[in-house]
Amino acid sequence: MTNPKRGIYPGSFDPITLGHLDIIRRATRAVDHLIIGVAANDGKNPVFSVEERVALVEADIATLDTTATIEVIAFDGLLVSLAEENGASLIIRGLRAVSDFEYEFQMVGMNSRLNPDVETVFLMASDRHQFISSRFVKEICRLGGDISQFVSENVSQTLKAHYENS
């Protein structure tokens, strides 16, 4: 039996969107074990704590139909270190637009210098999810708009409750 292919899909997931879920679903076709790495990213001033984001991701992936195993972990450090610690040889990144590419291209270069054994692959967002960003979802919700077409019901309710209690 061959070793299972392990990949990491990193992000801040503040909050997880339907676009993220689409990338996760598609990434499970490329790996046997997918680690969703929820970055602490305190510099981005997240709405949710890393523990809350992990819980939201776990709830959303619970309904996915896949043969791959999926694990959700929080991390605070170098992505290539997370890959090494978890035996992952593949980093999966989603791209929504050309504007994402420049940053991601630079990140791939740095990561490959840090560990040339870890490959990065890009999955283009599906056309129906290309415009969704966590930042826009939070802004729409904060201003009282309907976010139900961008996130799961669980995330929608959790985000609404956050802004109602703020």
C-alpha atoms as a PDB file:
ATOM      1  CA  MET A   1       0.000   0.000   0.000  1.00  0.00           C
ATOM      2  CA  THR A   2       1.299   3.466  -0.882  1.00  0.00           C
ATOM      3  CA  ASN A   3       1.537   6.311   1.580  1.00  0.00           C
ATOM      4  CA  PRO A   4      -1.563   8.479   1.603  1.00  0.00           C
ATOM      5  CA  LYS A   5      -1.175  11.852  -0.102  1.00  0.00           C
ATOM      6  CA  ARG A   6      -1.473  14.594   2.509  1.00  0.00           C
ATOM      7  CA  GLY A   7      -2.270  18.203   1.678  1.00  0.00           C
ATOM      8  CA  ILE A   8      -2.864  21.432   3.553  1.00  0.00           C
ATOM      9  CA  TYR A   9      -5.404  24.104   2.721  1.00  0.00           C
ATOM     10  CA  PRO A  10      -4.440  27.127   4.843  1.00  0.00           C
ATOM     11  CA  GLY A  11      -6.358  30.289   5.534  1.00  0.00           C
ATOM     12  CA  SER A  12      -7.724  32.565   8.188  1.00  0.00           C
ATOM     13  CA  PHE A  13     -11.332  31.454   7.517  1.00  0.00           C
ATOM     14  CA  ASP A  14     -12.771  34.510   9.270  1.00  0.00           C
ATOM     15  CA  PRO A  15     -15.385  33.290   8.490  1.00  0.00           C
ATOM     16  CA  ILE A  16     -15.408  30.242   6.233  1.00  0.00           C
ATOM     17  CA  THR A  17     -17.431  30.916   3.066  1.00  0.00           C
ATOM     18  CA  LEU A  18     -19.106  28.781   0.429  1.00  0.00           C
ATOM     19  CA  GLY A  19     -16.098  29.593  -1.758  1.00  0.00           C
ATOM     20  CA  HIS A  20     -13.786  28.021   0.822  1.00  0.00           C
ATOM     21  CA  LEU A  21     -16.055  24.961   1.001  1.00  0.00           C
ATOM     22  CA  ASP A  22     -15.939  24.622  -2.776  1.00  0.00           C
ATOM     23  CA  ILE A  23     -12.108  24.621  -2.708  1.00  0.00           C
ATOM     24  CA  ILE A  24     -12.119  22.100   0.168  1.00  0.00           C
ATOM     25  CA  ARG A  25     -14.496  19.787  -1.703  1.00  0.00           C
ATOM     26  CA  ARG A  26     -12.361  19.948  -4.840  1.00  0.00           C
ATOM     27  CA  ALA A  27      -9.072  19.600  -2.913  1.00  0.00           C
ATOM     28  CA  THR A  28     -10.241  16.297  -1.446  1.00  0.00           C
ATOM     29  CA  ARG A  29     -10.109  14.864  -4.975  1.00  0.00           C
ATOM     30  CA  ALA A  30      -6.336  15.481  -5.046  1.00  0.00           C
ATOM     31  CA  VAL A  31      -5.377  14.127  -1.622  1.00  0.00           C
ATOM     32  CA  ASP A  32      -6.244  11.272   0.694  1.00  0.00           C
ATOM     33  CA  HIS A  33      -5.942  13.412   3.823  1.00  0.00           C
ATOM     34  CA  LEU A  34      -6.650  17.148   3.842  1.00  0.00           C
ATOM     35  CA  ILE A  35      -5.549  19.331   6.716  1.00  0.00           C
ATOM     36  CA  ILE A  36      -7.364  22.621   6.936  1.00  0.00           C
ATOM     37  CA  GLY A  37      -4.920  24.937   8.650  1.00  0.00           C
ATOM     38  CA  VAL A  38      -6.690  27.798  10.394  1.00  0.00           C
ATOM     39  CA  ALA A  39      -4.111  30.549  10.791  1.00  0.00           C
ATOM     40  CA  ALA A  40      -4.181  32.587  13.984  1.00  0.00           C
ATOM     41  CA  ASN A  41      -3.480  35.730  11.895  1.00  0.00           C
ATOM     42  CA  ASP A  42      -3.859  38.128  14.800  1.00  0.00           C
ATOM     43  CA  GLY A  43      -2.451  40.892  12.599  1.00  0.00           C
ATOM     44  CA  LYS A  44      -5.658  40.827  10.538  1.00  0.00           C
ATOM     45  CA  ASN A  45      -7.805  41.578  13.624  1.00  0.00           C
ATOM     46  CA  PRO A  46     -10.144  38.622  13.104  1.00  0.00           C
ATOM     47  CA  VAL A  47     -13.783  38.825  14.151  1.00  0.00           C
ATOM     48  CA  PHE A  48     -13.625  35.298  15.593  1.00  0.00           C
ATOM     49  CA  SER A  49     -10.978  33.694  17.781  1.00  0.00           C
ATOM     50  CA  VAL A  50      -8.966  30.902  16.216  1.00  0.00           C
ATOM     51  CA  GLU A  51     -10.924  28.409  18.330  1.00  0.00           C
ATOM     52  CA  GLU A  52     -14.234  29.789  17.051  1.00  0.00           C
ATOM     53  CA  ARG A  53     -12.990  29.655  13.460  1.00  0.00           C
ATOM     54  CA  VAL A  54     -11.865  26.044  13.875  1.00  0.00           C
ATOM     55  CA  ALA A  55     -15.319  25.168  15.248  1.00  0.00           C
ATOM     56  CA  LEU A  56     -17.080  26.921  12.342  1.00  0.00           C
ATOM     57  CA  VAL A  57     -14.912  25.097   9.790  1.00  0.00           C
ATOM     58  CA  GLU A  58     -15.491  21.744  11.516  1.00  0.00           C
ATOM     59  CA  ALA A  59     -19.253  22.306  11.498  1.00  0.00           C
ATOM     60  CA  ASP A  60     -19.272  23.256   7.807  1.00  0.00           C
ATOM     61  CA  ILE A  61     -17.143  20.328   6.623  1.00  0.00           C
ATOM     62  CA  ALA A  62     -19.150  17.781   8.619  1.00  0.00           C
ATOM     63  CA  THR A  63     -21.654  17.495   5.769  1.00  0.00           C
ATOM     64  CA  LEU A  64     -19.145  17.106   2.937  1.00  0.00           C
ATOM     65  CA  ASP A  65     -19.326  13.837   1.023  1.00  0.00           C
ATOM     66  CA  THR A  66     -15.741  12.771   0.387  1.00  0.00           C
ATOM     67  CA  THR A  67     -13.547   9.696   0.592  1.00  0.00           C
ATOM     68  CA  ALA A  68     -10.642  11.799   1.881  1.00  0.00           C
ATOM     69  CA  THR A  69     -10.238  12.371   5.580  1.00  0.00           C
ATOM     70  CA  ILE A  70     -10.323  15.996   6.675  1.00  0.00           C
ATOM     71  CA  GLU A  71      -8.689  17.394   9.776  1.00  0.00           C
ATOM     72  CA  VAL A  72      -8.965  20.984  11.033  1.00  0.00           C
ATOM     73  CA  ILE A  73      -6.119  22.431  13.069  1.00  0.00           C
ATOM     74  CA  ALA A  74      -5.130  25.881  14.259  1.00  0.00           C
ATOM     75  CA  PHE A  75      -1.609  27.088  13.602  1.00  0.00           C
ATOM     76  CA  ASP A  76       0.552  30.100  14.224  1.00  0.00           C
ATOM     77  CA  GLY A  77       3.829  29.948  12.364  1.00  0.00           C
ATOM     78  CA  LEU A  78       5.321  29.105   9.024  1.00  0.00           C
ATOM     79  CA  LEU A  79       3.103  27.192   6.629  1.00  0.00           C
ATOM     80  CA  VAL A  80       5.994  25.014   5.449  1.00  0.00           C
ATOM     81  CA  SER A  81       6.686  24.087   9.083  1.00  0.00           C
ATOM     82  CA  LEU A  82       3.058  23.014   9.443  1.00  0.00           C
ATOM     83  CA  ALA A  83       3.441  20.913   6.294  1.00  0.00           C
ATOM     84  CA  GLU A  84       6.630  19.281   7.589  1.00  0.00           C
ATOM     85  CA  GLU A  85       5.122  18.572  11.028  1.00  0.00           C
ATOM     86  CA  ASN A  86       2.098  16.893   9.436  1.00  0.00           C
ATOM     87  CA  GLY A  87       3.802  14.996   6.615  1.00  0.00           C
ATOM     88  CA  ALA A  88       2.068  17.052   3.931  1.00  0.00           C
ATOM     89  CA  SER A  89       3.716  17.397   0.545  1.00  0.00           C
ATOM     90  CA  LEU A  90       1.082  19.625  -1.018  1.00  0.00           C
ATOM     91  CA  ILE A  91      -0.214  23.100  -0.189  1.00  0.00           C
ATOM     92  CA  ILE A  92      -3.534  23.949  -1.794  1.00  0.00           C
ATOM     93  CA  ARG A  93      -4.427  27.576  -2.409  1.00  0.00           C
ATOM     94  CA  GLY A  94      -7.563  29.035  -3.913  1.00  0.00           C
ATOM     95  CA  LEU A  95      -7.422  31.893  -6.394  1.00  0.00           C
ATOM     96  CA  ARG A  96     -10.407  34.162  -6.990  1.00  0.00           C
ATOM     97  CA  ALA A  97      -8.926  36.745  -9.315  1.00  0.00           C
ATOM     98  CA  VAL A  98      -5.734  37.799 -11.030  1.00  0.00           C
ATOM     99  CA  SER A  99      -5.107  40.163  -8.113  1.00  0.00           C
ATOM    100  CA  ASP A 100      -4.664  37.141  -5.800  1.00  0.00           C
ATOM    101  CA  PHE A 101      -1.984  35.685  -8.054  1.00  0.00           C
ATOM    102  CA  GLU A 102       0.840  38.161  -7.427  1.00  0.00           C
ATOM    103  CA  TYR A 103       0.803  37.650  -3.661  1.00  0.00           C
ATOM    104  CA  GLU A 104       0.413  33.873  -4.006  1.00  0.00           C
ATOM    105  CA  PHE A 105       3.211  33.719  -6.590  1.00  0.00           C
ATOM    106  CA  GLN A 106       5.603  35.428  -4.160  1.00  0.00           C
ATOM    107  CA  MET A 107       4.503  33.116  -1.342  1.00  0.00           C
ATOM    108  CA  VAL A 108       5.178  30.021  -3.470  1.00  0.00           C
ATOM    109  CA  GLY A 109       8.675  31.276  -4.214  1.00  0.00           C
ATOM    110  CA  MET A 110       9.455  31.819  -0.552  1.00  0.00           C
ATOM    111  CA  ASN A 111       7.933  28.498   0.533  1.00  0.00           C
ATOM    112  CA  SER A 112       9.804  26.558  -2.132  1.00  0.00           C
ATOM    113  CA  ARG A 113      13.089  28.076  -0.940  1.00  0.00           C
ATOM    114  CA  LEU A 114      12.247  27.107   2.642  1.00  0.00           C
ATOM    115  CA  ASN A 115      11.252  23.561   1.661  1.00  0.00           C
ATOM    116  CA  PRO A 116      11.538  22.442  -1.972  1.00  0.00           C
ATOM    117  CA  ASP A 117       9.795  19.143  -1.153  1.00  0.00           C
ATOM    118  CA  VAL A 118       6.464  20.881  -0.536  1.00  0.00           C
ATOM    119  CA  GLU A 119       4.568  21.736  -3.733  1.00  0.00           C
ATOM    120  CA  THR A 120       1.863  24.366  -4.038  1.00  0.00           C
ATOM    121  CA  VAL A 121      -1.118  23.933  -6.346  1.00  0.00           C
ATOM    122  CA  PHE A 122      -3.762  26.505  -7.137  1.00  0.00           C
ATOM    123  CA  LEU A 123      -7.445  25.851  -7.596  1.00  0.00           C
ATOM    124  CA  MET A 124      -9.365  28.587  -9.329  1.00  0.00           C
ATOM    125  CA  ALA A 125     -12.558  29.570  -7.584  1.00  0.00           C
ATOM    126  CA  SER A 126     -15.681  28.387  -9.322  1.00  0.00           C
ATOM    127  CA  ASP A 127     -17.351  31.166 -11.284  1.00  0.00           C
ATOM    128  CA  ARG A 128     -20.230  31.376  -8.809  1.00  0.00           C
ATOM    129  CA  HIS A 129     -17.797  31.891  -5.908  1.00  0.00           C
ATOM    130  CA  GLN A 130     -15.107  34.130  -7.444  1.00  0.00           C
ATOM    131  CA  PHE A 131     -16.389  37.326  -5.872  1.00  0.00           C
ATOM    132  CA  ILE A 132     -16.932  35.992  -2.346  1.00  0.00           C
ATOM    133  CA  SER A 133     -14.474  37.123   0.284  1.00  0.00           C
ATOM    134  CA  SER A 134     -14.659  36.849   4.048  1.00  0.00           C
ATOM    135  CA  ARG A 135     -13.983  40.577   4.269  1.00  0.00           C
ATOM    136  CA  PHE A 136     -17.028  41.436   2.128  1.00  0.00           C
ATOM    137  CA  VAL A 137     -19.214  38.922   3.969  1.00  0.00           C
ATOM    138  CA  LYS A 138     -18.336  40.547   7.306  1.00  0.00           C
ATOM    139  CA  GLU A 139     -18.997  44.034   5.933  1.00  0.00           C
ATOM    140  CA  ILE A 140     -22.353  43.083   4.426  1.00  0.00           C
ATOM    141  CA  CYS A 141     -23.424  41.409   7.659  1.00  0.00           C
ATOM    142  CA  ARG A 142     -22.221  44.313   9.821  1.00  0.00           C
ATOM    143  CA  LEU A 143     -24.362  46.665   7.713  1.00  0.00           C
ATOM    144  CA  GLY A 144     -27.448  44.425   8.042  1.00  0.00           C
ATOM    145  CA  GLY A 145     -27.342  42.769   4.613  1.00  0.00           C
ATOM    146  CA  ASP A 146     -28.288  39.204   3.727  1.00  0.00           C
ATOM    147  CA  ILE A 147     -25.221  36.920   3.613  1.00  0.00           C
ATOM    148  CA  SER A 148     -27.104  33.625   3.222  1.00  0.00           C
ATOM    149  CA  GLN A 149     -25.926  33.113  -0.365  1.00  0.00           C
ATOM    150  CA  PHE A 150     -22.260  33.417   0.657  1.00  0.00           C
ATOM    151  CA  VAL A 151     -21.963  31.310   3.827  1.00  0.00           C
ATOM    152  CA  SER A 152     -23.640  28.361   5.519  1.00  0.00           C
ATOM    153  CA  GLU A 153     -26.645  28.926   7.764  1.00  0.00           C
ATOM    154  CA  ASN A 154     -24.489  28.203  10.817  1.00  0.00           C
ATOM    155  CA  VAL A 155     -21.904  30.832   9.855  1.00  0.00           C
ATOM    156  CA  SER A 156     -24.641  33.323   8.956  1.00  0.00           C
ATOM    157  CA  GLN A 157     -26.311  32.977  12.350  1.00  0.00           C
ATOM    158  CA  THR A 158     -22.996  33.100  14.218  1.00  0.00           C
ATOM    159  CA  LEU A 159     -21.841  36.226  12.389  1.00  0.00           C
ATOM    160  CA  LYS A 160     -25.210  37.968  12.864  1.00  0.00           C
ATOM    161  CA  ALA A 161     -25.103  37.186  16.573  1.00  0.00           C
ATOM    162  CA  HIS A 162     -21.576  38.603  16.778  1.00  0.00           C
ATOM    163  CA  TYR A 163     -22.608  41.943  15.289  1.00  0.00           C
ATOM    164  CA  GLU A 164     -25.827  42.110  17.327  1.00  0.00           C
ATOM    165  CA  ASN A 165     -23.796  41.647  20.521  1.00  0.00           C
ATOM    166  CA  SER A 166     -21.000  44.068  19.572  1.00  0.00           C
END
